[in-house]
Amino acid sequence: MSIALLPGSYDPITLGHLDIVKRASLLYDEVVVAVMNNAAKSYMFDMGARAEMVRRATAAMSQVRVVADEGMLVDLFDRLGADVIVKGVRNAADLAYEQEMAAYNLSRNPRAKTVFLEAAASYGDLSSTRVRTMLKEGKVPHGLLPTEVIAYLDMTGGLKPSHQ
């Protein structure tokens, strides 16, 4: 049984993220989406809310499970018995950054190989940063977030009325 680990902050999970999860689920028996923190980032949503949004967005995918973890990726990789780390990349800058991270992870754990999945063209300019900006402006990011995430944000007060 092959296990793929898809780490990220998912602040919040976008349709681009979800596309990578779906595509990884076609390649591996189990996909573990790991909601993680990066000390260099500040988040709009706390880890619990981010993990819940990912759970809701992936609920229909039986081979996908969601974990939240504050530790190092390579340690989680071993704890889960993962076979590969999967990262989505949108452009050359993403690829360069993710290659650095992959080299770091491999230096810490020789089993922690990374596979890169290129973002679908329709998601090439989609980012969580763009979505957060829209949310702060009171705009509902239809077409950028899974409908389950929009419903969750609406239910929890994460969507503010638009001032358009």
C-alpha atoms as a PDB file:
ATOM      1  CA  MET A   1       0.000   0.000   0.000  1.00  0.00           C
ATOM      2  CA  SER A   2       1.462   3.352  -1.031  1.00  0.00           C
ATOM      3  CA  ILE A   3       0.992   6.432   1.148  1.00  0.00           C
ATOM      4  CA  ALA A   4       1.461   9.960  -0.158  1.00  0.00           C
ATOM      5  CA  LEU A   5       1.881  12.867   2.227  1.00  0.00           C
ATOM      6  CA  LEU A   6       0.632  16.276   1.018  1.00  0.00           C
ATOM      7  CA  PRO A   7       1.824  18.912   3.482  1.00  0.00           C
ATOM      8  CA  GLY A   8       0.749  22.538   3.451  1.00  0.00           C
ATOM      9  CA  SER A   9      -0.709  25.337   5.495  1.00  0.00           C
ATOM     10  CA  TYR A  10      -4.036  25.290   3.595  1.00  0.00           C
ATOM     11  CA  ASP A  11      -4.995  28.789   4.770  1.00  0.00           C
ATOM     12  CA  PRO A  12      -7.560  28.038   3.333  1.00  0.00           C
ATOM     13  CA  ILE A  13      -7.627  25.037   0.998  1.00  0.00           C
ATOM     14  CA  THR A  14      -8.318  26.206  -2.572  1.00  0.00           C
ATOM     15  CA  LEU A  15      -9.617  24.440  -5.654  1.00  0.00           C
ATOM     16  CA  GLY A  16      -5.985  24.272  -6.809  1.00  0.00           C
ATOM     17  CA  HIS A  17      -5.005  22.388  -3.643  1.00  0.00           C
ATOM     18  CA  LEU A  18      -8.015  20.121  -4.040  1.00  0.00           C
ATOM     19  CA  ASP A  19      -7.048  19.347  -7.640  1.00  0.00           C
ATOM     20  CA  ILE A  20      -3.603  18.193  -6.464  1.00  0.00           C
ATOM     21  CA  VAL A  21      -5.226  16.025  -3.749  1.00  0.00           C
ATOM     22  CA  LYS A  22      -7.551  14.428  -6.318  1.00  0.00           C
ATOM     23  CA  ARG A  23      -4.721  13.772  -8.748  1.00  0.00           C
ATOM     24  CA  ALA A  24      -2.514  12.304  -6.006  1.00  0.00           C
ATOM     25  CA  SER A  25      -5.378  10.010  -4.996  1.00  0.00           C
ATOM     26  CA  LEU A  26      -5.263   8.524  -8.496  1.00  0.00           C
ATOM     27  CA  LEU A  27      -1.566   7.710  -8.059  1.00  0.00           C
ATOM     28  CA  TYR A  28      -1.395   6.441  -4.471  1.00  0.00           C
ATOM     29  CA  ASP A  29      -3.489   4.112  -2.324  1.00  0.00           C
ATOM     30  CA  GLU A  30      -3.777   6.584   0.550  1.00  0.00           C
ATOM     31  CA  VAL A  31      -3.308  10.337   0.594  1.00  0.00           C
ATOM     32  CA  VAL A  32      -2.646  12.063   3.897  1.00  0.00           C
ATOM     33  CA  VAL A  33      -3.228  15.796   3.729  1.00  0.00           C
ATOM     34  CA  ALA A  34      -1.146  17.324   6.517  1.00  0.00           C
ATOM     35  CA  VAL A  35      -2.175  20.750   7.750  1.00  0.00           C
ATOM     36  CA  MET A  36       1.010  22.225   9.137  1.00  0.00           C
ATOM     37  CA  ASN A  37       2.375  25.467  10.526  1.00  0.00           C
ATOM     38  CA  ASN A  38       5.309  27.452   9.228  1.00  0.00           C
ATOM     39  CA  ALA A  39       6.872  29.695  11.891  1.00  0.00           C
ATOM     40  CA  ALA A  40       7.636  32.287   9.191  1.00  0.00           C
ATOM     41  CA  LYS A  41       3.945  32.708   8.307  1.00  0.00           C
ATOM     42  CA  SER A  42       0.982  34.251  10.051  1.00  0.00           C
ATOM     43  CA  TYR A  43      -2.383  32.648   9.434  1.00  0.00           C
ATOM     44  CA  MET A  44      -5.900  33.937   8.875  1.00  0.00           C
ATOM     45  CA  PHE A  45      -7.362  30.695  10.248  1.00  0.00           C
ATOM     46  CA  ASP A  46      -6.124  28.630  13.179  1.00  0.00           C
ATOM     47  CA  MET A  47      -4.906  25.089  12.618  1.00  0.00           C
ATOM     48  CA  GLY A  48      -8.167  23.519  13.776  1.00  0.00           C
ATOM     49  CA  ALA A  49     -10.242  25.574  11.318  1.00  0.00           C
ATOM     50  CA  ARG A  50      -7.810  24.889   8.469  1.00  0.00           C
ATOM     51  CA  ALA A  51      -7.928  21.143   9.166  1.00  0.00           C
ATOM     52  CA  GLU A  52     -11.743  21.226   9.325  1.00  0.00           C
ATOM     53  CA  MET A  53     -11.953  23.012   5.967  1.00  0.00           C
ATOM     54  CA  VAL A  54      -9.679  20.363   4.414  1.00  0.00           C
ATOM     55  CA  ARG A  55     -11.761  17.565   5.985  1.00  0.00           C
ATOM     56  CA  ARG A  56     -14.949  19.022   4.547  1.00  0.00           C
ATOM     57  CA  ALA A  57     -13.402  19.578   1.102  1.00  0.00           C
ATOM     58  CA  THR A  58     -12.082  15.998   0.928  1.00  0.00           C
ATOM     59  CA  ALA A  59     -14.944  14.188   2.707  1.00  0.00           C
ATOM     60  CA  ALA A  60     -16.104  12.427  -0.464  1.00  0.00           C
ATOM     61  CA  MET A  61     -12.638  10.939  -1.094  1.00  0.00           C
ATOM     62  CA  SER A  62     -12.451   7.682   0.871  1.00  0.00           C
ATOM     63  CA  GLN A  63      -8.695   7.210   0.475  1.00  0.00           C
ATOM     64  CA  VAL A  64      -7.890  10.710   1.799  1.00  0.00           C
ATOM     65  CA  ARG A  65      -7.371  11.490   5.443  1.00  0.00           C
ATOM     66  CA  VAL A  66      -6.454  14.732   7.132  1.00  0.00           C
ATOM     67  CA  VAL A  67      -4.019  15.287   9.978  1.00  0.00           C
ATOM     68  CA  ALA A  68      -2.877  18.449  11.722  1.00  0.00           C
ATOM     69  CA  ASP A  69       0.718  18.521  12.905  1.00  0.00           C
ATOM     70  CA  GLU A  70       2.965  21.133  14.519  1.00  0.00           C
ATOM     71  CA  GLY A  71       6.205  19.188  14.066  1.00  0.00           C
ATOM     72  CA  MET A  72       8.778  18.645  11.353  1.00  0.00           C
ATOM     73  CA  LEU A  73       7.596  17.195   8.058  1.00  0.00           C
ATOM     74  CA  VAL A  74      10.272  14.480   7.963  1.00  0.00           C
ATOM     75  CA  ASP A  75       9.207  13.272  11.411  1.00  0.00           C
ATOM     76  CA  LEU A  76       5.559  13.121  10.356  1.00  0.00           C
ATOM     77  CA  PHE A  77       6.639  11.298   7.191  1.00  0.00           C
ATOM     78  CA  ASP A  78       8.169   8.522   9.333  1.00  0.00           C
ATOM     79  CA  ARG A  79       5.316   8.408  11.872  1.00  0.00           C
ATOM     80  CA  LEU A  80       2.817   7.889   9.048  1.00  0.00           C
ATOM     81  CA  GLY A  81       4.983   5.361   7.205  1.00  0.00           C
ATOM     82  CA  ALA A  82       4.609   7.513   4.098  1.00  0.00           C
ATOM     83  CA  ASP A  83       6.260   6.533   0.834  1.00  0.00           C
ATOM     84  CA  VAL A  84       6.437   9.929  -0.827  1.00  0.00           C
ATOM     85  CA  ILE A  85       5.846  13.639  -0.260  1.00  0.00           C
ATOM     86  CA  VAL A  86       3.698  15.255  -2.952  1.00  0.00           C
ATOM     87  CA  LYS A  87       3.823  18.983  -3.650  1.00  0.00           C
ATOM     88  CA  GLY A  88       1.897  21.002  -6.186  1.00  0.00           C
ATOM     89  CA  VAL A  89       3.795  23.669  -8.102  1.00  0.00           C
ATOM     90  CA  ARG A  90       2.295  26.555 -10.077  1.00  0.00           C
ATOM     91  CA  ASN A  91       5.352  28.180 -11.599  1.00  0.00           C
ATOM     92  CA  ALA A  92       9.158  28.299 -11.691  1.00  0.00           C
ATOM     93  CA  ALA A  93       9.367  30.172  -8.381  1.00  0.00           C
ATOM     94  CA  ASP A  94       7.233  27.518  -6.645  1.00  0.00           C
ATOM     95  CA  LEU A  95       9.350  24.766  -8.182  1.00  0.00           C
ATOM     96  CA  ALA A  96      12.637  26.348  -7.067  1.00  0.00           C
ATOM     97  CA  TYR A  97      11.361  26.774  -3.502  1.00  0.00           C
ATOM     98  CA  GLU A  98       9.896  23.262  -3.334  1.00  0.00           C
ATOM     99  CA  GLN A  99      13.109  21.754  -4.751  1.00  0.00           C
ATOM    100  CA  GLU A 100      15.035  23.409  -1.897  1.00  0.00           C
ATOM    101  CA  MET A 101      12.570  21.996   0.627  1.00  0.00           C
ATOM    102  CA  ALA A 102      12.752  18.566  -1.016  1.00  0.00           C
ATOM    103  CA  ALA A 103      16.568  18.598  -0.809  1.00  0.00           C
ATOM    104  CA  TYR A 104      16.378  19.606   2.855  1.00  0.00           C
ATOM    105  CA  ASN A 105      13.874  16.830   3.662  1.00  0.00           C
ATOM    106  CA  LEU A 106      15.967  14.271   1.778  1.00  0.00           C
ATOM    107  CA  SER A 107      19.090  15.342   3.690  1.00  0.00           C
ATOM    108  CA  ARG A 108      17.211  14.728   6.961  1.00  0.00           C
ATOM    109  CA  ASN A 109      15.580  11.481   5.827  1.00  0.00           C
ATOM    110  CA  PRO A 110      16.863   9.558   2.781  1.00  0.00           C
ATOM    111  CA  ARG A 111      13.405   7.937   2.338  1.00  0.00           C
ATOM    112  CA  ALA A 112      11.602  11.301   2.122  1.00  0.00           C
ATOM    113  CA  LYS A 113      11.487  11.714  -1.641  1.00  0.00           C
ATOM    114  CA  THR A 114       9.290  14.425  -3.139  1.00  0.00           C
ATOM    115  CA  VAL A 115       7.141  14.180  -6.254  1.00  0.00           C
ATOM    116  CA  PHE A 116       6.021  17.420  -7.898  1.00  0.00           C
ATOM    117  CA  LEU A 117       2.644  17.735  -9.584  1.00  0.00           C
ATOM    118  CA  GLU A 118       2.262  20.700 -11.887  1.00  0.00           C
ATOM    119  CA  ALA A 119      -0.822  22.784 -11.228  1.00  0.00           C
ATOM    120  CA  ALA A 120      -3.550  22.594 -13.835  1.00  0.00           C
ATOM    121  CA  ALA A 121      -3.437  25.632 -16.108  1.00  0.00           C
ATOM    122  CA  SER A 122      -6.765  26.854 -14.752  1.00  0.00           C
ATOM    123  CA  TYR A 123      -5.242  27.090 -11.254  1.00  0.00           C
ATOM    124  CA  GLY A 124      -1.873  28.570 -12.222  1.00  0.00           C
ATOM    125  CA  ASP A 125      -2.584  31.955 -10.670  1.00  0.00           C
ATOM    126  CA  LEU A 126      -4.684  30.743  -7.733  1.00  0.00           C
ATOM    127  CA  SER A 127      -3.185  31.207  -4.295  1.00  0.00           C
ATOM    128  CA  SER A 128      -4.406  31.195  -0.709  1.00  0.00           C
ATOM    129  CA  THR A 129      -3.005  34.734  -0.430  1.00  0.00           C
ATOM    130  CA  ARG A 130      -5.364  35.909  -3.169  1.00  0.00           C
ATOM    131  CA  VAL A 131      -8.289  34.186  -1.441  1.00  0.00           C
ATOM    132  CA  ARG A 132      -7.424  35.731   1.949  1.00  0.00           C
ATOM    133  CA  THR A 133      -7.266  39.173   0.358  1.00  0.00           C
ATOM    134  CA  MET A 134     -10.727  38.678  -1.103  1.00  0.00           C
ATOM    135  CA  LEU A 135     -12.078  37.462   2.247  1.00  0.00           C
ATOM    136  CA  LYS A 136     -10.610  40.497   4.035  1.00  0.00           C
ATOM    137  CA  GLU A 137     -12.338  42.709   1.454  1.00  0.00           C
ATOM    138  CA  GLY A 138     -15.654  40.988   2.175  1.00  0.00           C
ATOM    139  CA  LYS A 139     -15.767  39.209  -1.171  1.00  0.00           C
ATOM    140  CA  VAL A 140     -16.907  35.594  -1.489  1.00  0.00           C
ATOM    141  CA  PRO A 141     -14.247  33.756  -3.513  1.00  0.00           C
ATOM    142  CA  HIS A 142     -16.620  31.671  -5.630  1.00  0.00           C
ATOM    143  CA  GLY A 143     -14.726  29.589  -8.155  1.00  0.00           C
ATOM    144  CA  LEU A 144     -11.576  29.650  -6.001  1.00  0.00           C
ATOM    145  CA  LEU A 145     -12.657  27.634  -2.964  1.00  0.00           C
ATOM    146  CA  PRO A 146     -14.494  24.319  -2.698  1.00  0.00           C
ATOM    147  CA  THR A 147     -18.200  24.874  -2.030  1.00  0.00           C
ATOM    148  CA  GLU A 148     -17.835  22.997   1.274  1.00  0.00           C
ATOM    149  CA  VAL A 149     -15.273  25.562   2.412  1.00  0.00           C
ATOM    150  CA  ILE A 150     -17.460  28.507   1.413  1.00  0.00           C
ATOM    151  CA  ALA A 151     -20.344  26.918   3.357  1.00  0.00           C
ATOM    152  CA  TYR A 152     -18.067  26.389   6.388  1.00  0.00           C
ATOM    153  CA  LEU A 153     -16.849  29.998   6.274  1.00  0.00           C
ATOM    154  CA  ASP A 154     -20.422  31.232   5.964  1.00  0.00           C
ATOM    155  CA  MET A 155     -21.508  29.077   8.912  1.00  0.00           C
ATOM    156  CA  THR A 156     -18.602  30.183  11.136  1.00  0.00           C
ATOM    157  CA  GLY A 157     -18.747  33.880  10.258  1.00  0.00           C
ATOM    158  CA  GLY A 158     -15.617  33.759   8.109  1.00  0.00           C
ATOM    159  CA  LEU A 159     -17.486  35.467   5.268  1.00  0.00           C
ATOM    160  CA  LYS A 160     -18.201  39.118   5.837  1.00  0.00           C
ATOM    161  CA  PRO A 161     -20.863  40.990   3.892  1.00  0.00           C
ATOM    162  CA  SER A 162     -19.493  42.531   0.731  1.00  0.00           C
ATOM    163  CA  HIS A 163     -19.172  46.290   0.487  1.00  0.00           C
ATOM    164  CA  GLN A 164     -19.330  46.295  -3.306  1.00  0.00           C
END
